[in-house]
């Protein structure tokens, strides 16, 4: 994986006008994508919905819920053409930085056990499995469990990442 020059990355809040571009990425990379309504509802609910751009091109996005001093990462996705180039780590580091700045104590997420690339990324950042949600995700063969991962956000748990 190559290091991503941070100066080439720009972040902005997602708006309703961005949903069609987000859906092109979502539909391309997932067999069971979120719907436009999922993104719209997230924005209306006050969740942090971030877009990540490089060279004016949408690289990825993240949807984050902040409640009761904890952060729940609901969606972190990188467009197929930009995967395995360090952008997932950069977007995750951005989310973690915002979470720490908000004073949150912990970040949670769910991930498919079959998503080896995502699991490797989260483990590299220090996430640990704290549970399992049975039959959480739709899957071609029926349902797939979700692994529940958590990361403490205290200052002693600095972001490890890939050094990019």
N, C-alpha and C. Protein backbone atom coordinates (compact mmCIF):
# COMPACT_ATOMS: atom_id res chain seq x y z
N UNK A 1 0.85 -1.17 0.00
CA UNK A 1 0.00 0.00 0.00
C UNK A 1 0.90 1.23 0.00
N UNK A 2 0.54 2.18 -0.81
CA UNK A 2 1.33 3.42 -0.87
C UNK A 2 0.79 4.43 0.12
N UNK A 3 1.68 5.29 0.56
CA UNK A 3 1.28 6.34 1.49
C UNK A 3 0.49 7.40 0.74
N UNK A 4 -0.55 7.88 1.36
CA UNK A 4 -1.41 8.90 0.77
C UNK A 4 -0.91 10.26 1.21
N UNK A 5 -0.59 11.15 0.28
CA UNK A 5 -0.21 12.50 0.71
C UNK A 5 -1.42 13.22 1.32
N UNK A 6 -1.34 13.50 2.61
CA UNK A 6 -2.49 14.11 3.30
C UNK A 6 -2.90 15.43 2.68
N UNK A 7 -1.96 16.14 2.08
CA UNK A 7 -2.31 17.43 1.48
C UNK A 7 -3.24 17.26 0.29
N UNK A 8 -3.32 16.04 -0.26
CA UNK A 8 -4.19 15.82 -1.41
C UNK A 8 -5.60 15.43 -1.01
N UNK A 9 -5.86 15.24 0.28
CA UNK A 9 -7.17 14.81 0.76
C UNK A 9 -7.94 15.99 1.31
N UNK A 10 -9.22 16.04 0.94
CA UNK A 10 -10.11 17.07 1.47
C UNK A 10 -11.37 16.38 2.00
N UNK A 11 -11.87 16.91 3.10
CA UNK A 11 -13.08 16.37 3.72
C UNK A 11 -14.15 17.45 3.71
N UNK A 12 -15.39 17.02 3.51
CA UNK A 12 -16.51 17.95 3.63
C UNK A 12 -17.72 17.18 4.10
N UNK A 13 -18.65 17.91 4.69
CA UNK A 13 -19.90 17.30 5.14
C UNK A 13 -20.74 16.88 3.94
N UNK A 14 -21.40 15.76 4.07
CA UNK A 14 -22.30 15.28 3.04
C UNK A 14 -23.59 16.09 3.08
N UNK A 15 -24.14 16.36 1.91
CA UNK A 15 -25.44 17.01 1.80
C UNK A 15 -26.35 16.13 0.94
N UNK A 16 -27.61 16.48 0.91
CA UNK A 16 -28.56 15.73 0.07
C UNK A 16 -28.11 15.70 -1.40
N UNK A 17 -27.51 16.78 -1.84
CA UNK A 17 -27.05 16.85 -3.24
C UNK A 17 -25.94 15.84 -3.53
N UNK A 18 -25.25 15.36 -2.48
CA UNK A 18 -24.15 14.41 -2.65
C UNK A 18 -24.62 12.96 -2.71
N UNK A 19 -25.85 12.69 -2.31
CA UNK A 19 -26.33 11.31 -2.20
C UNK A 19 -26.23 10.55 -3.52
N UNK A 20 -26.57 11.10 -4.68
CA UNK A 20 -26.41 10.32 -5.91
C UNK A 20 -24.97 9.86 -6.17
N UNK A 21 -23.99 10.70 -5.92
CA UNK A 21 -22.59 10.30 -6.11
C UNK A 21 -22.20 9.24 -5.08
N UNK A 22 -22.65 9.39 -3.85
CA UNK A 22 -22.38 8.40 -2.81
C UNK A 22 -23.01 7.07 -3.20
N UNK A 23 -24.23 7.11 -3.73
CA UNK A 23 -24.91 5.88 -4.12
C UNK A 23 -24.20 5.16 -5.27
N UNK A 24 -23.57 5.90 -6.16
CA UNK A 24 -22.81 5.24 -7.24
C UNK A 24 -21.68 4.40 -6.65
N UNK A 25 -21.01 4.94 -5.65
CA UNK A 25 -19.95 4.20 -4.97
C UNK A 25 -20.56 3.04 -4.19
N UNK A 26 -21.57 3.31 -3.39
CA UNK A 26 -22.21 2.30 -2.54
C UNK A 26 -22.70 1.12 -3.37
N UNK A 27 -23.40 1.41 -4.47
CA UNK A 27 -23.93 0.35 -5.33
C UNK A 27 -22.81 -0.45 -6.00
N UNK A 28 -21.69 0.21 -6.27
CA UNK A 28 -20.57 -0.45 -6.94
C UNK A 28 -19.82 -1.41 -6.02
N UNK A 29 -19.71 -1.08 -4.75
CA UNK A 29 -18.84 -1.87 -3.87
C UNK A 29 -19.58 -2.85 -2.97
N UNK A 30 -20.90 -2.74 -2.85
CA UNK A 30 -21.63 -3.63 -1.95
C UNK A 30 -22.70 -4.40 -2.68
N UNK A 31 -22.81 -5.67 -2.34
CA UNK A 31 -23.90 -6.49 -2.86
C UNK A 31 -25.22 -6.09 -2.22
N UNK A 32 -25.15 -5.63 -0.97
CA UNK A 32 -26.34 -5.18 -0.23
C UNK A 32 -26.07 -3.76 0.27
N UNK A 33 -26.17 -2.78 -0.62
CA UNK A 33 -25.81 -1.39 -0.26
C UNK A 33 -26.86 -0.73 0.62
N UNK A 34 -26.40 0.34 1.30
CA UNK A 34 -27.35 1.23 1.95
C UNK A 34 -28.24 1.82 0.86
N UNK A 35 -29.39 2.33 1.27
CA UNK A 35 -30.29 3.00 0.34
C UNK A 35 -30.06 4.51 0.41
N UNK A 36 -30.53 5.27 -0.58
CA UNK A 36 -30.46 6.73 -0.46
C UNK A 36 -31.13 7.21 0.82
N UNK A 37 -32.22 6.55 1.21
CA UNK A 37 -32.91 6.92 2.43
C UNK A 37 -32.06 6.74 3.68
N UNK A 38 -31.22 5.71 3.69
CA UNK A 38 -30.32 5.51 4.84
C UNK A 38 -29.40 6.72 5.02
N UNK A 39 -28.86 7.22 3.91
CA UNK A 39 -27.98 8.39 4.00
C UNK A 39 -28.76 9.65 4.36
N UNK A 40 -29.91 9.84 3.75
CA UNK A 40 -30.73 11.01 4.05
C UNK A 40 -31.19 11.01 5.50
N UNK A 41 -31.63 9.85 5.98
CA UNK A 41 -32.07 9.74 7.38
C UNK A 41 -30.91 10.02 8.33
N UNK A 42 -29.71 9.56 7.98
CA UNK A 42 -28.54 9.81 8.82
C UNK A 42 -28.25 11.30 8.94
N UNK A 43 -28.33 12.00 7.81
CA UNK A 43 -28.09 13.45 7.84
C UNK A 43 -29.18 14.16 8.65
N UNK A 44 -30.45 13.78 8.44
CA UNK A 44 -31.56 14.40 9.17
C UNK A 44 -31.46 14.13 10.67
N UNK A 45 -30.88 13.00 11.04
CA UNK A 45 -30.73 12.65 12.46
C UNK A 45 -29.55 13.34 13.12
N UNK A 46 -28.80 14.10 12.33
CA UNK A 46 -27.67 14.83 12.90
C UNK A 46 -26.38 14.02 12.99
N UNK A 47 -26.33 12.87 12.33
CA UNK A 47 -25.10 12.09 12.32
C UNK A 47 -24.06 12.84 11.52
N UNK A 48 -22.80 12.60 11.82
CA UNK A 48 -21.72 13.19 11.03
C UNK A 48 -21.55 12.35 9.77
N UNK A 49 -21.79 12.95 8.64
CA UNK A 49 -21.67 12.27 7.35
C UNK A 49 -20.60 13.00 6.55
N UNK A 50 -19.47 12.33 6.37
CA UNK A 50 -18.30 12.96 5.77
C UNK A 50 -17.98 12.38 4.40
N UNK A 51 -17.56 13.24 3.51
CA UNK A 51 -17.06 12.84 2.20
C UNK A 51 -15.55 13.05 2.18
N UNK A 52 -14.85 12.16 1.51
CA UNK A 52 -13.41 12.25 1.38
C UNK A 52 -13.10 12.38 -0.12
N UNK A 53 -12.38 13.45 -0.46
CA UNK A 53 -12.03 13.72 -1.85
C UNK A 53 -10.52 13.72 -2.03
N UNK A 54 -10.08 13.29 -3.21
CA UNK A 54 -8.69 13.43 -3.64
C UNK A 54 -8.75 13.90 -5.09
N UNK A 55 -8.06 14.96 -5.38
CA UNK A 55 -8.06 15.52 -6.74
C UNK A 55 -9.48 15.73 -7.24
N UNK A 56 -10.32 16.27 -6.40
CA UNK A 56 -11.72 16.59 -6.72
C UNK A 56 -12.57 15.36 -7.04
N UNK A 57 -12.07 14.18 -6.76
CA UNK A 57 -12.83 12.96 -7.01
C UNK A 57 -13.25 12.34 -5.68
N UNK A 58 -14.50 11.88 -5.61
CA UNK A 58 -15.00 11.24 -4.40
C UNK A 58 -14.26 9.92 -4.20
N UNK A 59 -13.53 9.84 -3.10
CA UNK A 59 -12.76 8.65 -2.76
C UNK A 59 -13.55 7.76 -1.81
N UNK A 60 -14.26 8.37 -0.87
CA UNK A 60 -14.99 7.58 0.10
C UNK A 60 -15.84 8.45 1.00
N UNK A 61 -16.44 7.82 1.99
CA UNK A 61 -17.33 8.52 2.90
C UNK A 61 -17.44 7.74 4.20
N UNK A 62 -17.89 8.44 5.22
CA UNK A 62 -18.10 7.84 6.54
C UNK A 62 -19.36 8.43 7.15
N UNK A 63 -20.09 7.59 7.87
CA UNK A 63 -21.27 8.01 8.61
C UNK A 63 -21.05 7.62 10.06
N UNK A 64 -21.15 8.62 10.95
CA UNK A 64 -20.78 8.45 12.35
C UNK A 64 -21.89 8.98 13.25
N UNK A 65 -22.30 8.16 14.20
CA UNK A 65 -23.29 8.57 15.19
C UNK A 65 -22.57 8.84 16.51
N UNK A 66 -22.87 9.96 17.12
CA UNK A 66 -22.26 10.36 18.39
C UNK A 66 -23.38 10.43 19.43
N UNK A 67 -23.27 9.59 20.47
CA UNK A 67 -24.31 9.59 21.50
C UNK A 67 -23.71 9.15 22.83
N UNK A 68 -24.06 9.85 23.88
CA UNK A 68 -23.69 9.49 25.25
C UNK A 68 -22.19 9.26 25.42
N UNK A 69 -21.39 10.09 24.77
CA UNK A 69 -19.95 9.99 24.93
C UNK A 69 -19.29 8.85 24.18
N UNK A 70 -20.06 8.21 23.31
CA UNK A 70 -19.53 7.13 22.51
C UNK A 70 -19.82 7.40 21.04
N UNK A 71 -18.95 6.90 20.20
CA UNK A 71 -19.08 7.07 18.75
C UNK A 71 -19.38 5.71 18.14
N UNK A 72 -20.32 5.68 17.21
CA UNK A 72 -20.64 4.45 16.49
C UNK A 72 -20.39 4.73 15.01
N UNK A 73 -19.41 4.06 14.45
CA UNK A 73 -19.11 4.18 13.02
C UNK A 73 -20.06 3.27 12.27
N UNK A 74 -20.98 3.88 11.54
CA UNK A 74 -22.03 3.13 10.86
C UNK A 74 -21.64 2.71 9.45
N UNK A 75 -20.82 3.51 8.80
CA UNK A 75 -20.44 3.21 7.42
C UNK A 75 -19.11 3.91 7.13
N UNK A 76 -18.14 3.17 6.67
CA UNK A 76 -16.88 3.72 6.17
C UNK A 76 -16.58 2.97 4.89
N UNK A 77 -16.60 3.69 3.78
CA UNK A 77 -16.48 3.04 2.48
C UNK A 77 -15.53 3.81 1.58
N UNK A 78 -14.77 3.07 0.79
CA UNK A 78 -13.83 3.64 -0.17
C UNK A 78 -14.20 3.12 -1.55
N UNK A 79 -14.28 4.02 -2.52
CA UNK A 79 -14.62 3.65 -3.90
C UNK A 79 -13.62 2.60 -4.40
N UNK A 80 -14.10 1.68 -5.22
CA UNK A 80 -13.29 0.54 -5.69
C UNK A 80 -11.96 0.99 -6.30
N UNK A 81 -11.98 2.03 -7.10
CA UNK A 81 -10.75 2.49 -7.78
C UNK A 81 -9.72 3.04 -6.81
N UNK A 82 -10.12 3.36 -5.59
CA UNK A 82 -9.22 3.98 -4.62
C UNK A 82 -8.84 3.03 -3.49
N UNK A 83 -9.38 1.81 -3.50
CA UNK A 83 -9.10 0.87 -2.43
C UNK A 83 -7.66 0.38 -2.48
N UNK A 84 -7.16 -0.03 -1.31
CA UNK A 84 -5.82 -0.59 -1.13
C UNK A 84 -4.71 0.41 -1.48
N UNK A 85 -5.03 1.69 -1.27
CA UNK A 85 -4.05 2.75 -1.53
C UNK A 85 -3.85 3.66 -0.32
N UNK A 86 -4.42 3.27 0.82
CA UNK A 86 -4.23 4.03 2.05
C UNK A 86 -5.36 4.99 2.40
N UNK A 87 -6.35 5.11 1.53
CA UNK A 87 -7.43 6.06 1.79
C UNK A 87 -8.36 5.60 2.92
N UNK A 88 -8.56 4.30 3.07
CA UNK A 88 -9.37 3.81 4.17
C UNK A 88 -8.73 4.17 5.51
N UNK A 89 -7.41 4.01 5.60
CA UNK A 89 -6.70 4.36 6.83
C UNK A 89 -6.78 5.86 7.09
N UNK A 90 -6.66 6.66 6.04
CA UNK A 90 -6.74 8.11 6.22
C UNK A 90 -8.13 8.54 6.67
N UNK A 91 -9.16 7.97 6.07
CA UNK A 91 -10.53 8.32 6.46
C UNK A 91 -10.81 7.86 7.89
N UNK A 92 -10.35 6.67 8.25
CA UNK A 92 -10.54 6.19 9.61
C UNK A 92 -9.79 7.08 10.61
N UNK A 93 -8.58 7.49 10.28
CA UNK A 93 -7.82 8.39 11.16
C UNK A 93 -8.55 9.72 11.33
N UNK A 94 -9.16 10.22 10.25
CA UNK A 94 -9.94 11.45 10.32
C UNK A 94 -11.13 11.27 11.28
N UNK A 95 -11.85 10.17 11.14
CA UNK A 95 -12.99 9.89 12.02
C UNK A 95 -12.54 9.80 13.47
N UNK A 96 -11.43 9.09 13.71
CA UNK A 96 -10.92 8.95 15.07
C UNK A 96 -10.48 10.29 15.65
N UNK A 97 -9.86 11.12 14.83
CA UNK A 97 -9.47 12.45 15.30
C UNK A 97 -10.67 13.28 15.72
N UNK A 98 -11.72 13.25 14.91
CA UNK A 98 -12.95 13.96 15.27
C UNK A 98 -13.57 13.39 16.53
N UNK A 99 -13.54 12.08 16.67
CA UNK A 99 -14.12 11.44 17.85
C UNK A 99 -13.36 11.85 19.10
N UNK A 100 -12.06 11.85 19.04
CA UNK A 100 -11.25 12.27 20.19
C UNK A 100 -11.51 13.74 20.52
N UNK A 101 -11.58 14.57 19.48
CA UNK A 101 -11.81 16.01 19.69
C UNK A 101 -13.17 16.26 20.35
N UNK A 102 -14.13 15.38 20.10
CA UNK A 102 -15.46 15.54 20.70
C UNK A 102 -15.49 15.10 22.16
N UNK A 103 -14.41 14.46 22.61
CA UNK A 103 -14.36 13.98 23.98
C UNK A 103 -14.93 12.59 24.18
N UNK A 104 -15.25 11.91 23.08
CA UNK A 104 -15.80 10.56 23.19
C UNK A 104 -14.78 9.62 23.83
N UNK A 105 -15.27 8.65 24.55
CA UNK A 105 -14.40 7.71 25.25
C UNK A 105 -14.12 6.44 24.46
N UNK A 106 -15.01 6.11 23.49
CA UNK A 106 -14.88 4.84 22.79
C UNK A 106 -15.57 4.91 21.44
N UNK A 107 -15.04 4.18 20.47
CA UNK A 107 -15.67 4.08 19.15
C UNK A 107 -16.02 2.62 18.91
N UNK A 108 -17.25 2.40 18.48
CA UNK A 108 -17.75 1.06 18.16
C UNK A 108 -18.02 0.96 16.67
N UNK A 109 -18.01 -0.26 16.16
CA UNK A 109 -18.42 -0.52 14.79
C UNK A 109 -18.78 -1.99 14.64
N UNK A 110 -19.50 -2.29 13.58
CA UNK A 110 -19.77 -3.67 13.19
C UNK A 110 -19.08 -3.91 11.86
N UNK A 111 -18.60 -5.13 11.68
CA UNK A 111 -17.94 -5.50 10.43
C UNK A 111 -18.25 -6.96 10.13
N UNK A 112 -18.38 -7.25 8.85
CA UNK A 112 -18.59 -8.64 8.44
C UNK A 112 -17.33 -9.47 8.70
N UNK A 113 -17.47 -10.66 9.24
CA UNK A 113 -16.30 -11.52 9.39
C UNK A 113 -15.64 -11.84 8.04
N UNK A 114 -16.43 -11.80 6.96
CA UNK A 114 -15.89 -12.10 5.63
C UNK A 114 -15.14 -10.92 5.01
N UNK A 115 -15.16 -9.75 5.64
CA UNK A 115 -14.49 -8.57 5.09
C UNK A 115 -13.07 -8.48 5.66
N UNK A 116 -12.19 -9.30 5.09
CA UNK A 116 -10.83 -9.41 5.60
C UNK A 116 -10.07 -8.09 5.53
N UNK A 117 -10.26 -7.32 4.47
CA UNK A 117 -9.54 -6.05 4.34
C UNK A 117 -9.95 -5.07 5.43
N UNK A 118 -11.24 -4.97 5.71
CA UNK A 118 -11.71 -4.07 6.76
C UNK A 118 -11.23 -4.54 8.12
N UNK A 119 -11.30 -5.83 8.38
CA UNK A 119 -10.82 -6.36 9.66
C UNK A 119 -9.35 -6.05 9.87
N UNK A 120 -8.55 -6.21 8.83
CA UNK A 120 -7.12 -5.92 8.94
C UNK A 120 -6.90 -4.44 9.25
N UNK A 121 -7.65 -3.56 8.58
CA UNK A 121 -7.53 -2.13 8.84
C UNK A 121 -7.88 -1.81 10.28
N UNK A 122 -9.00 -2.30 10.75
CA UNK A 122 -9.43 -1.98 12.11
C UNK A 122 -8.46 -2.55 13.15
N UNK A 123 -7.97 -3.73 12.92
CA UNK A 123 -7.01 -4.32 13.86
C UNK A 123 -5.71 -3.52 13.89
N UNK A 124 -5.30 -3.03 12.73
CA UNK A 124 -4.08 -2.21 12.66
C UNK A 124 -4.22 -0.95 13.50
N UNK A 125 -5.42 -0.45 13.62
CA UNK A 125 -5.69 0.75 14.43
C UNK A 125 -5.92 0.42 15.90
N UNK A 126 -5.93 -0.86 16.24
CA UNK A 126 -6.07 -1.25 17.64
C UNK A 126 -7.46 -1.66 18.09
N UNK A 127 -8.40 -1.77 17.17
CA UNK A 127 -9.74 -2.23 17.52
C UNK A 127 -9.69 -3.68 18.00
N UNK A 128 -10.54 -4.00 18.95
CA UNK A 128 -10.64 -5.36 19.46
C UNK A 128 -12.10 -5.81 19.41
N UNK A 129 -12.30 -7.09 19.18
CA UNK A 129 -13.65 -7.63 19.15
C UNK A 129 -14.20 -7.69 20.56
N UNK A 130 -15.42 -7.16 20.73
CA UNK A 130 -16.06 -7.21 22.04
C UNK A 130 -17.37 -7.98 22.01
N UNK A 131 -17.78 -8.42 20.82
CA UNK A 131 -19.03 -9.16 20.73
C UNK A 131 -19.33 -9.58 19.31
N UNK A 132 -20.51 -10.18 19.16
CA UNK A 132 -20.97 -10.63 17.85
C UNK A 132 -22.47 -10.41 17.79
N UNK A 133 -22.95 -9.90 16.68
CA UNK A 133 -24.39 -9.76 16.45
C UNK A 133 -24.78 -10.84 15.44
N UNK A 134 -25.60 -11.78 15.88
CA UNK A 134 -25.99 -12.90 15.02
C UNK A 134 -26.94 -12.43 13.93
N UNK A 135 -26.69 -12.92 12.72
CA UNK A 135 -27.57 -12.67 11.56
C UNK A 135 -27.80 -11.18 11.31
N UNK A 136 -26.78 -10.38 11.46
CA UNK A 136 -26.89 -8.92 11.37
C UNK A 136 -26.99 -8.42 9.93
N UNK A 137 -26.18 -8.99 9.06
CA UNK A 137 -26.09 -8.50 7.67
C UNK A 137 -26.83 -9.42 6.71
N UNK A 138 -27.49 -8.85 5.69
CA UNK A 138 -28.00 -9.71 4.62
C UNK A 138 -26.82 -10.29 3.86
N UNK A 139 -26.98 -11.50 3.38
CA UNK A 139 -25.92 -12.16 2.63
C UNK A 139 -26.56 -13.02 1.53
N UNK A 140 -25.80 -13.35 0.55
CA UNK A 140 -26.29 -14.14 -0.58
C UNK A 140 -26.89 -15.46 -0.09
N UNK A 141 -26.32 -16.05 0.93
CA UNK A 141 -26.76 -17.34 1.43
C UNK A 141 -27.74 -17.22 2.60
N UNK A 142 -28.17 -16.02 2.91
CA UNK A 142 -29.13 -15.80 3.99
C UNK A 142 -28.73 -14.60 4.83
N UNK A 143 -28.09 -14.82 5.95
CA UNK A 143 -27.65 -13.75 6.84
C UNK A 143 -26.21 -14.04 7.28
N UNK A 144 -25.48 -12.97 7.61
CA UNK A 144 -24.12 -13.08 8.10
C UNK A 144 -24.02 -12.35 9.44
N UNK A 145 -23.27 -12.94 10.36
CA UNK A 145 -23.05 -12.29 11.65
C UNK A 145 -22.24 -11.01 11.46
N UNK A 146 -22.26 -10.17 12.46
CA UNK A 146 -21.38 -9.00 12.51
C UNK A 146 -20.48 -9.15 13.73
N UNK A 147 -19.21 -8.84 13.54
CA UNK A 147 -18.31 -8.74 14.66
C UNK A 147 -18.42 -7.31 15.20
N UNK A 148 -18.57 -7.16 16.50
CA UNK A 148 -18.62 -5.85 17.12
C UNK A 148 -17.22 -5.55 17.62
N UNK A 149 -16.65 -4.45 17.12
CA UNK A 149 -15.31 -4.03 17.49
C UNK A 149 -15.39 -2.71 18.25
N UNK A 150 -14.42 -2.49 19.13
CA UNK A 150 -14.37 -1.24 19.89
C UNK A 150 -12.92 -0.79 20.02
N UNK A 151 -12.77 0.52 20.14
CA UNK A 151 -11.47 1.13 20.36
C UNK A 151 -11.60 2.19 21.43
N UNK A 152 -10.87 2.08 22.55
CA UNK A 152 -10.87 3.17 23.53
C UNK A 152 -10.25 4.42 22.90
N UNK A 153 -10.77 5.58 23.23
CA UNK A 153 -10.29 6.82 22.62
C UNK A 153 -9.52 7.69 23.60
N UNK A 154 -9.10 7.13 24.71
CA UNK A 154 -8.31 7.92 25.66
C UNK A 154 -6.98 8.28 25.02
N UNK A 155 -6.32 9.33 25.50
CA UNK A 155 -5.04 9.76 24.92
C UNK A 155 -3.98 8.66 24.90
N UNK A 156 -4.08 7.68 25.79
CA UNK A 156 -3.08 6.62 25.82
C UNK A 156 -3.24 5.62 24.68
N UNK A 157 -4.36 5.71 23.95
CA UNK A 157 -4.60 4.83 22.82
C UNK A 157 -4.49 5.63 21.53
N UNK A 158 -3.30 6.00 21.17
CA UNK A 158 -3.07 6.81 19.98
C UNK A 158 -3.34 5.98 18.72
N UNK A 159 -3.68 6.67 17.65
CA UNK A 159 -3.92 6.03 16.36
C UNK A 159 -2.61 5.43 15.86
N UNK A 160 -2.66 4.17 15.48
CA UNK A 160 -1.47 3.49 14.97
C UNK A 160 -1.42 3.64 13.46
N UNK A 161 -2.46 3.17 12.78
CA UNK A 161 -2.56 3.35 11.33
C UNK A 161 -1.40 2.75 10.58
N UNK A 162 -1.16 3.28 9.39
CA UNK A 162 -0.13 2.72 8.54
C UNK A 162 1.05 3.68 8.37
N UNK A 163 1.11 4.71 9.19
CA UNK A 163 2.22 5.63 9.11
C UNK A 163 2.10 6.64 8.00
N UNK A 164 0.97 6.61 7.29
CA UNK A 164 0.77 7.56 6.18
C UNK A 164 0.45 8.94 6.70
